[in-house]
Structures are given as C-alpha cells and as structure tokens.
Amino acid sequence: MTTSPVGLPVTFDARLVEIRERYGQDHNVSRAITAASNEIRAAIDRVLNRAHAFGRTFD
C-alpha cells in the first residue's frame, strides 16, 4: 500500500487517493479500502517500525 501502480514509493494517503480516483468512490474496492484504512495504516506502521529496528530505512 506504499507503492504506486508503477512501482514508485508513495504515502498511504496518496495511495488511497489513487485507488479512489481509479475505481470511483462508490466502487467496492474503494469502500473496502476506506473501511479497512485504520487497520492497513497500523500494519504499515508495524512493518516500518520493525524494519527500522533492524536498521532498514525507506526514504
């Protein structure tokens, strides 16, 4: 969720915007991603924190 469709790094918020623009606000994909956004954001934070603990950075 932090990589664009073309493989570039993006923020999760930017990715949400891209998904909503591509599918439209009322599409099931947009609704599901929006409904799960808190859980997805928490998962991203856990992964990044774990990676940082091992000396990995993603800039």
Protein backbone atom coordinates (compact mmCIF):
# COMPACT_ATOMS: atom_id res chain seq x y z
CA MET A 1 0.00 0.00 0.00
CA THR A 2 3.02 2.28 -0.11
CA THR A 3 3.93 1.57 -3.71
CA SER A 4 2.19 3.14 -6.70
CA PRO A 5 0.82 1.04 -9.57
CA VAL A 6 4.05 1.80 -11.46
CA GLY A 7 6.30 0.80 -8.55
CA LEU A 8 7.18 4.19 -7.10
CA PRO A 9 7.09 4.79 -3.34
CA VAL A 10 4.04 6.75 -2.17
CA THR A 11 2.40 7.55 1.13
CA PHE A 12 -0.59 5.52 2.15
CA ASP A 13 -2.77 8.63 1.88
CA ALA A 14 -1.61 9.20 -1.71
CA ARG A 15 -2.32 5.56 -2.50
CA LEU A 16 -5.86 5.87 -1.11
CA VAL A 17 -6.47 8.89 -3.34
CA GLU A 18 -5.15 7.00 -6.37
CA ILE A 19 -7.38 3.99 -5.65
CA ARG A 20 -10.48 6.15 -5.20
CA GLU A 21 -9.74 8.05 -8.41
CA ARG A 22 -9.15 4.86 -10.38
CA TYR A 23 -12.19 2.94 -9.15
CA GLY A 24 -14.56 5.74 -8.13
CA GLN A 25 -15.85 6.49 -4.65
CA ASP A 26 -18.76 4.04 -4.79
CA HIS A 27 -16.85 1.01 -6.06
CA ASN A 28 -16.49 -1.97 -3.73
CA VAL A 29 -12.69 -1.67 -3.82
CA SER A 30 -12.79 1.98 -2.70
CA ARG A 31 -15.30 1.24 0.04
CA ALA A 32 -13.35 -1.77 1.32
CA ILE A 33 -10.02 0.08 1.39
CA THR A 34 -11.64 3.03 3.16
CA ALA A 35 -13.30 0.75 5.72
CA ALA A 36 -10.00 -1.04 6.40
CA SER A 37 -7.78 2.05 6.27
CA ASN A 38 -7.11 2.19 10.02
CA GLU A 39 -6.04 -1.44 10.10
CA ILE A 40 -3.94 -1.05 6.94
CA ARG A 41 -2.26 2.06 8.33
CA ALA A 42 -1.48 0.22 11.58
CA ALA A 43 0.01 -2.69 9.62
CA ILE A 44 2.19 -0.31 7.60
CA ASP A 45 3.39 1.33 10.82
CA ARG A 46 4.22 -2.06 12.36
CA VAL A 47 6.21 -3.13 9.31
CA LEU A 48 8.12 0.16 9.12
CA ASN A 49 8.87 0.11 12.86
CA ARG A 50 10.12 -3.47 12.63
CA ALA A 51 12.26 -2.64 9.60
CA HIS A 52 13.75 0.38 11.41
CA ALA A 53 14.56 -1.85 14.39
CA PHE A 54 16.75 -3.88 12.02
CA GLY A 55 18.41 -0.81 10.54
CA ARG A 56 16.33 -0.56 7.36
CA THR A 57 15.02 2.78 6.21
CA PHE A 58 12.63 3.62 3.41
CA ASP A 59 13.01 7.16 2.17
